Every structure is written in C-alpha cells, then in structure tokens.
Amino acid sequence: MVKLNKIYTKTGDDGTTGLASGRRRRKDDLRVEAYGTIDEANSAIGLARLYTTDLADLDAMLMSIQNDLFDLGADLATPDTGEPPAYEPLRIVETQVERIERDIDRLNADLNPLTSFILPGGSPAAAHLHLARTIARRGERLMVTLARMEGEIVGGAAMKYINRLSDFLFVAARHANDRGRADVLWVPGKNR
C-alpha cells in the first residue's frame, strides 16, 4: 500500500525524479514523460466524470479505467531491467485489456452507425472524453517511442491497454452524445 505523509521532499529540486525502484531519472526522461502523460489522461477522465453521473454504467467503467491508469503509471515507473526484482512489480495484465474490450463492445452495440468522422464536442461529457482520448493517444505515442529505445522495455499488455483506451474513450464519447444521435459530424470542405 502506498503511504504519502509528506508531499514535498525537495529531492526533485535538481530536475530529477525517483522511479519505483528508487533510481533517479531526469524529469524530461521519455519514461517519465510517458507516465506523466498517462496521469494527464487520467485527470482528463476525472474531469469528464463530472458530467457522467447520470450515465451510471459509463461512469463505473470510467472509474475502473482511472484505477487501471494508476496501474499503468506504476508499470511504466518500474522499468523491466531483465533482472528479477526484489518485489513483485505492478504490471498491466491481459484481463484488464479483455475487460476494456468487453466495455467497448457493450457501449458500441447501441450506437448509431457512423456516416462521417466526428468532431470533438456535443455534450460536455463527450467533449471531455474526446480530450482524454487525444491525451491517451499522445501517451501511446510516447510509449511506442520508449519501447523502441535500446534498454527500455514496455510490456505487451500495457501497449495493448493504451491502444484500447483511446478506442474506448471514442466510443464512450459517442455514448455520452445520446448514443451517437448528438454527435457533431465533420462535413468535408464545408467552409471553402
């Protein structure tokens, strides 16, 4: 269990931060950027949830995802060095990927078919979910770049989860827009 008694430690005053292993990395390190962006996506979902209280099923799904995103942050903050760690690190697992896939399918089943690309907007919940989706995509791009770096490992389940997350948030935004009936559609060349 995490125990946070003192909020400021002054250890980051030199521009570094501690990973879960205790090793220090620069605050602009790509791994730190990746889990920081996951935290940003989580915050955007929290903001969206201010508008999903009347959508109980969706709100419960979003709450589960917020918890998963802390797991994903812990996963990224604990680099796999290939050596057995002194403790069992928290990792994203396939069952979390499977759950988010089931939730995507469940929400998608009741949506109107798409006839065009969707502009981010509509209801406040949908607009915030689209914002969270784009932040999640940025987090995914950072994770992909991190995984390509020599000596850096990103777990396969973590990569699948972040990829599914943006799909979920897209479908969730449509669900929040009266099951797609209030989606704002792109009209190509409308303002020429």
C-alpha atoms as a PDB file:
ATOM      1  CA  MET A   1       0.000   0.000   0.000  1.00  0.00           C
ATOM      2  CA  VAL A   2       1.219   3.464  -0.844  1.00  0.00           C
ATOM      3  CA  LYS A   3       1.727   5.804   2.107  1.00  0.00           C
ATOM      4  CA  LEU A   4       2.169   9.515   1.439  1.00  0.00           C
ATOM      5  CA  ASN A   5       2.729  11.553   4.573  1.00  0.00           C
ATOM      6  CA  LYS A   6       4.967  14.306   3.283  1.00  0.00           C
ATOM      7  CA  ILE A   7       4.010  15.902  -0.018  1.00  0.00           C
ATOM      8  CA  TYR A   8       7.177  17.824  -0.759  1.00  0.00           C
ATOM      9  CA  THR A   9      10.538  16.084  -0.431  1.00  0.00           C
ATOM     10  CA  LYS A  10      12.852  18.548  -2.220  1.00  0.00           C
ATOM     11  CA  THR A  11      14.555  15.576  -3.925  1.00  0.00           C
ATOM     12  CA  GLY A  12      13.298  16.782  -7.308  1.00  0.00           C
ATOM     13  CA  ASP A  13      14.786  20.243  -6.983  1.00  0.00           C
ATOM     14  CA  ASP A  14      17.684  19.145  -9.185  1.00  0.00           C
ATOM     15  CA  GLY A  15      15.347  18.215 -12.064  1.00  0.00           C
ATOM     16  CA  THR A  16      15.225  14.500 -11.323  1.00  0.00           C
ATOM     17  CA  THR A  17      12.524  12.193 -10.034  1.00  0.00           C
ATOM     18  CA  GLY A  18      12.538   8.759  -8.465  1.00  0.00           C
ATOM     19  CA  LEU A  19      11.249   5.682 -10.254  1.00  0.00           C
ATOM     20  CA  ALA A  20       9.539   2.934  -8.264  1.00  0.00           C
ATOM     21  CA  SER A  21      12.904   1.176  -7.989  1.00  0.00           C
ATOM     22  CA  GLY A  22      14.416   4.240  -6.325  1.00  0.00           C
ATOM     23  CA  ARG A  23      16.631   5.015  -9.336  1.00  0.00           C
ATOM     24  CA  ARG A  24      16.655   8.676 -10.345  1.00  0.00           C
ATOM     25  CA  ARG A  25      15.808   9.907 -13.832  1.00  0.00           C
ATOM     26  CA  ARG A  26      15.579  13.378 -15.306  1.00  0.00           C
ATOM     27  CA  LYS A  27      12.067  14.789 -15.257  1.00  0.00           C
ATOM     28  CA  ASP A  28      12.202  15.144 -19.049  1.00  0.00           C
ATOM     29  CA  ASP A  29      13.200  11.479 -19.488  1.00  0.00           C
ATOM     30  CA  LEU A  30      10.946   9.735 -22.017  1.00  0.00           C
ATOM     31  CA  ARG A  31       9.747   7.164 -19.456  1.00  0.00           C
ATOM     32  CA  VAL A  32       8.748   9.971 -17.077  1.00  0.00           C
ATOM     33  CA  GLU A  33       7.051  11.801 -19.981  1.00  0.00           C
ATOM     34  CA  ALA A  34       5.093   8.634 -20.786  1.00  0.00           C
ATOM     35  CA  TYR A  35       3.735   8.003 -17.305  1.00  0.00           C
ATOM     36  CA  GLY A  36       3.164  11.732 -16.803  1.00  0.00           C
ATOM     37  CA  THR A  37       1.001  11.768 -19.909  1.00  0.00           C
ATOM     38  CA  ILE A  38      -0.935   8.748 -18.624  1.00  0.00           C
ATOM     39  CA  ASP A  39      -1.556  10.757 -15.438  1.00  0.00           C
ATOM     40  CA  GLU A  40      -2.753  13.670 -17.578  1.00  0.00           C
ATOM     41  CA  ALA A  41      -5.211  11.379 -19.411  1.00  0.00           C
ATOM     42  CA  ASN A  42      -6.436  10.122 -16.039  1.00  0.00           C
ATOM     43  CA  SER A  43      -7.062  13.696 -14.897  1.00  0.00           C
ATOM     44  CA  ALA A  44      -8.994  14.439 -18.090  1.00  0.00           C
ATOM     45  CA  ILE A  45     -11.159  11.374 -17.443  1.00  0.00           C
ATOM     46  CA  GLY A  46     -11.766  12.647 -13.916  1.00  0.00           C
ATOM     47  CA  LEU A  47     -12.971  15.921 -15.403  1.00  0.00           C
ATOM     48  CA  ALA A  48     -15.243  14.060 -17.856  1.00  0.00           C
ATOM     49  CA  ARG A  49     -16.741  12.127 -14.945  1.00  0.00           C
ATOM     50  CA  LEU A  50     -18.184  15.372 -13.591  1.00  0.00           C
ATOM     51  CA  TYR A  51     -20.654  15.021 -16.472  1.00  0.00           C
ATOM     52  CA  THR A  52     -21.319  11.253 -16.422  1.00  0.00           C
ATOM     53  CA  THR A  53     -23.081  10.918 -13.083  1.00  0.00           C
ATOM     54  CA  ASP A  54     -26.394  10.340 -14.907  1.00  0.00           C
ATOM     55  CA  LEU A  55     -24.776   7.620 -17.043  1.00  0.00           C
ATOM     56  CA  ALA A  56     -24.132   5.108 -14.251  1.00  0.00           C
ATOM     57  CA  ASP A  57     -22.738   2.253 -16.396  1.00  0.00           C
ATOM     58  CA  LEU A  58     -20.347   4.553 -18.257  1.00  0.00           C
ATOM     59  CA  ASP A  59     -19.275   6.290 -15.053  1.00  0.00           C
ATOM     60  CA  ALA A  60     -18.461   2.930 -13.424  1.00  0.00           C
ATOM     61  CA  MET A  61     -16.391   1.944 -16.469  1.00  0.00           C
ATOM     62  CA  LEU A  62     -14.506   5.242 -16.318  1.00  0.00           C
ATOM     63  CA  MET A  63     -13.796   4.755 -12.614  1.00  0.00           C
ATOM     64  CA  SER A  64     -12.297   1.310 -13.355  1.00  0.00           C
ATOM     65  CA  ILE A  65     -10.184   2.847 -16.099  1.00  0.00           C
ATOM     66  CA  GLN A  66      -8.909   5.554 -13.759  1.00  0.00           C
ATOM     67  CA  ASN A  67      -7.703   2.847 -11.394  1.00  0.00           C
ATOM     68  CA  ASP A  68      -6.127   0.953 -14.305  1.00  0.00           C
ATOM     69  CA  LEU A  69      -4.285   4.109 -15.345  1.00  0.00           C
ATOM     70  CA  PHE A  70      -2.619   4.267 -11.934  1.00  0.00           C
ATOM     71  CA  ASP A  71      -1.605   0.625 -12.522  1.00  0.00           C
ATOM     72  CA  LEU A  72      -0.239   1.622 -15.937  1.00  0.00           C
ATOM     73  CA  GLY A  73       1.682   4.516 -14.385  1.00  0.00           C
ATOM     74  CA  ALA A  74       3.165   2.137 -11.812  1.00  0.00           C
ATOM     75  CA  ASP A  75       4.049  -0.293 -14.605  1.00  0.00           C
ATOM     76  CA  LEU A  76       5.878   2.422 -16.539  1.00  0.00           C
ATOM     77  CA  ALA A  77       7.556   3.767 -13.387  1.00  0.00           C
ATOM     78  CA  THR A  78       9.045   0.313 -12.745  1.00  0.00           C
ATOM     79  CA  PRO A  79      11.329  -0.427 -15.704  1.00  0.00           C
ATOM     80  CA  ASP A  80      11.835  -4.075 -16.600  1.00  0.00           C
ATOM     81  CA  THR A  81      15.596  -4.477 -16.477  1.00  0.00           C
ATOM     82  CA  GLY A  82      15.518  -8.184 -17.281  1.00  0.00           C
ATOM     83  CA  GLU A  83      16.729  -8.998 -13.780  1.00  0.00           C
ATOM     84  CA  PRO A  84      14.417 -10.397 -11.099  1.00  0.00           C
ATOM     85  CA  PRO A  85      13.241  -7.523  -8.896  1.00  0.00           C
ATOM     86  CA  ALA A  86      13.294  -7.619  -5.109  1.00  0.00           C
ATOM     87  CA  TYR A  87       9.479  -7.282  -5.146  1.00  0.00           C
ATOM     88  CA  GLU A  88       6.629  -8.135  -7.499  1.00  0.00           C
ATOM     89  CA  PRO A  89       6.107  -5.030  -9.645  1.00  0.00           C
ATOM     90  CA  LEU A  90       2.584  -3.952 -10.584  1.00  0.00           C
ATOM     91  CA  ARG A  91       2.007  -4.623 -14.281  1.00  0.00           C
ATOM     92  CA  ILE A  92      -0.946  -4.242 -16.616  1.00  0.00           C
ATOM     93  CA  VAL A  93      -2.287  -7.734 -17.358  1.00  0.00           C
ATOM     94  CA  GLU A  94      -4.340  -9.241 -20.180  1.00  0.00           C
ATOM     95  CA  THR A  95      -7.515  -9.407 -18.064  1.00  0.00           C
ATOM     96  CA  GLN A  96      -7.516  -5.601 -17.910  1.00  0.00           C
ATOM     97  CA  VAL A  97      -7.237  -5.470 -21.714  1.00  0.00           C
ATOM     98  CA  GLU A  98     -10.061  -8.008 -22.050  1.00  0.00           C
ATOM     99  CA  ARG A  99     -12.307  -6.024 -19.696  1.00  0.00           C
ATOM    100  CA  ILE A 100     -11.855  -2.786 -21.630  1.00  0.00           C
ATOM    101  CA  GLU A 101     -12.596  -4.671 -24.885  1.00  0.00           C
ATOM    102  CA  ARG A 102     -15.843  -6.006 -23.396  1.00  0.00           C
ATOM    103  CA  ASP A 103     -16.758  -2.474 -22.299  1.00  0.00           C
ATOM    104  CA  ILE A 104     -16.055  -1.113 -25.804  1.00  0.00           C
ATOM    105  CA  ASP A 105     -18.282  -3.793 -27.334  1.00  0.00           C
ATOM    106  CA  ARG A 106     -21.027  -3.141 -24.788  1.00  0.00           C
ATOM    107  CA  LEU A 107     -21.090   0.620 -25.422  1.00  0.00           C
ATOM    108  CA  ASN A 108     -20.687   0.272 -29.188  1.00  0.00           C
ATOM    109  CA  ALA A 109     -23.653  -2.118 -29.528  1.00  0.00           C
ATOM    110  CA  ASP A 110     -26.201   0.692 -29.001  1.00  0.00           C
ATOM    111  CA  LEU A 111     -24.566   3.413 -31.105  1.00  0.00           C
ATOM    112  CA  ASN A 112     -25.899   4.832 -34.350  1.00  0.00           C
ATOM    113  CA  PRO A 113     -23.681   3.827 -37.280  1.00  0.00           C
ATOM    114  CA  LEU A 114     -21.076   6.392 -38.319  1.00  0.00           C
ATOM    115  CA  THR A 115     -21.591   8.268 -41.586  1.00  0.00           C
ATOM    116  CA  SER A 116     -18.657  10.659 -41.210  1.00  0.00           C
ATOM    117  CA  PHE A 117     -15.763  11.470 -38.919  1.00  0.00           C
ATOM    118  CA  ILE A 118     -16.800  13.063 -35.638  1.00  0.00           C
ATOM    119  CA  LEU A 119     -15.742  16.479 -34.443  1.00  0.00           C
ATOM    120  CA  PRO A 120     -14.849  16.514 -30.739  1.00  0.00           C
ATOM    121  CA  GLY A 121     -17.825  18.050 -28.990  1.00  0.00           C
ATOM    122  CA  GLY A 122     -21.510  17.651 -28.425  1.00  0.00           C
ATOM    123  CA  SER A 123     -22.263  17.231 -24.740  1.00  0.00           C
ATOM    124  CA  PRO A 124     -19.819  18.367 -22.044  1.00  0.00           C
ATOM    125  CA  ALA A 125     -19.123  14.712 -21.177  1.00  0.00           C
ATOM    126  CA  ALA A 126     -18.360  13.852 -24.809  1.00  0.00           C
ATOM    127  CA  ALA A 127     -16.104  16.880 -25.292  1.00  0.00           C
ATOM    128  CA  HIS A 128     -14.068  15.969 -22.204  1.00  0.00           C
ATOM    129  CA  LEU A 129     -13.896  12.303 -23.233  1.00  0.00           C
ATOM    130  CA  HIS A 130     -12.563  13.329 -26.653  1.00  0.00           C
ATOM    131  CA  LEU A 131      -9.912  15.431 -24.921  1.00  0.00           C
ATOM    132  CA  ALA A 132      -8.965  12.436 -22.745  1.00  0.00           C
ATOM    133  CA  ARG A 133      -8.808  10.310 -25.931  1.00  0.00           C
ATOM    134  CA  THR A 134      -6.284  12.628 -27.577  1.00  0.00           C
ATOM    135  CA  ILE A 135      -4.149  12.727 -24.425  1.00  0.00           C
ATOM    136  CA  ALA A 136      -4.242   8.913 -24.262  1.00  0.00           C
ATOM    137  CA  ARG A 137      -3.095   8.783 -27.901  1.00  0.00           C
ATOM    138  CA  ARG A 138      -0.160  11.055 -27.042  1.00  0.00           C
ATOM    139  CA  GLY A 139       0.685   8.732 -24.146  1.00  0.00           C
ATOM    140  CA  GLU A 140       0.575   5.796 -26.548  1.00  0.00           C
ATOM    141  CA  ARG A 141       2.951   7.531 -28.975  1.00  0.00           C
ATOM    142  CA  LEU A 142       5.377   8.154 -26.125  1.00  0.00           C
ATOM    143  CA  MET A 143       5.145   4.524 -25.001  1.00  0.00           C
ATOM    144  CA  VAL A 144       5.817   3.299 -28.550  1.00  0.00           C
ATOM    145  CA  THR A 145       8.866   5.552 -28.802  1.00  0.00           C
ATOM    146  CA  LEU A 146      10.069   4.413 -25.371  1.00  0.00           C
ATOM    147  CA  ALA A 147       9.692   0.747 -26.339  1.00  0.00           C
ATOM    148  CA  ARG A 148      11.908   1.324 -29.400  1.00  0.00           C
ATOM    149  CA  MET A 149      14.767   2.709 -27.310  1.00  0.00           C
ATOM    150  CA  GLU A 150      17.648   0.396 -26.527  1.00  0.00           C
ATOM    151  CA  GLY A 151      17.436  -0.937 -22.986  1.00  0.00           C
ATOM    152  CA  GLU A 152      13.830   0.181 -22.449  1.00  0.00           C
ATOM    153  CA  ILE A 153      11.036  -2.391 -22.200  1.00  0.00           C
ATOM    154  CA  VAL A 154       7.312  -1.681 -22.247  1.00  0.00           C
ATOM    155  CA  GLY A 155       5.095  -4.670 -21.566  1.00  0.00           C
ATOM    156  CA  GLY A 156       2.868  -6.043 -24.302  1.00  0.00           C
ATOM    157  CA  ALA A 157      -0.275  -5.867 -22.178  1.00  0.00           C
ATOM    158  CA  ALA A 158       0.482  -2.220 -21.351  1.00  0.00           C
ATOM    159  CA  MET A 159       0.791  -1.428 -25.066  1.00  0.00           C
ATOM    160  CA  LYS A 160      -2.498  -3.185 -25.828  1.00  0.00           C
ATOM    161  CA  TYR A 161      -4.255  -1.428 -22.947  1.00  0.00           C
ATOM    162  CA  ILE A 162      -3.250   2.092 -24.005  1.00  0.00           C
ATOM    163  CA  ASN A 163      -4.258   1.321 -27.595  1.00  0.00           C
ATOM    164  CA  ARG A 164      -7.690   0.081 -26.476  1.00  0.00           C
ATOM    165  CA  LEU A 165      -8.119   3.048 -24.139  1.00  0.00           C
ATOM    166  CA  SER A 166      -8.392   5.610 -26.919  1.00  0.00           C
ATOM    167  CA  ASP A 167     -10.882   3.325 -28.713  1.00  0.00           C
ATOM    168  CA  PHE A 168     -12.900   3.086 -25.504  1.00  0.00           C
ATOM    169  CA  LEU A 169     -12.866   6.857 -24.998  1.00  0.00           C
ATOM    170  CA  PHE A 170     -14.057   7.423 -28.578  1.00  0.00           C
ATOM    171  CA  VAL A 171     -16.979   5.028 -28.106  1.00  0.00           C
ATOM    172  CA  ALA A 172     -17.670   6.464 -24.647  1.00  0.00           C
ATOM    173  CA  ALA A 173     -17.860   9.989 -26.091  1.00  0.00           C
ATOM    174  CA  ARG A 174     -20.386   8.800 -28.672  1.00  0.00           C
ATOM    175  CA  HIS A 175     -22.357   7.028 -25.924  1.00  0.00           C
ATOM    176  CA  ALA A 176     -22.382  10.268 -23.906  1.00  0.00           C
ATOM    177  CA  ASN A 177     -23.704  12.079 -27.005  1.00  0.00           C
ATOM    178  CA  ASP A 178     -27.112  10.385 -26.725  1.00  0.00           C
ATOM    179  CA  ARG A 179     -25.713   7.119 -28.126  1.00  0.00           C
ATOM    180  CA  GLY A 180     -24.337   8.916 -31.168  1.00  0.00           C
ATOM    181  CA  ARG A 181     -27.510  10.845 -32.038  1.00  0.00           C
ATOM    182  CA  ALA A 182     -25.937  14.123 -30.831  1.00  0.00           C
ATOM    183  CA  ASP A 183     -22.507  13.557 -32.434  1.00  0.00           C
ATOM    184  CA  VAL A 184     -21.113  16.553 -34.306  1.00  0.00           C
ATOM    185  CA  LEU A 185     -20.165  15.298 -37.758  1.00  0.00           C
ATOM    186  CA  TRP A 186     -17.359  16.551 -39.945  1.00  0.00           C
ATOM    187  CA  VAL A 187     -18.534  17.974 -43.258  1.00  0.00           C
ATOM    188  CA  PRO A 188     -15.532  17.845 -45.628  1.00  0.00           C
ATOM    189  CA  GLY A 189     -14.902  21.192 -47.330  1.00  0.00           C
ATOM    190  CA  LYS A 190     -17.881  22.831 -45.635  1.00  0.00           C
ATOM    191  CA  ASN A 191     -16.207  26.231 -45.243  1.00  0.00           C
ATOM    192  CA  ARG A 192     -14.458  26.575 -48.618  1.00  0.00           C
END
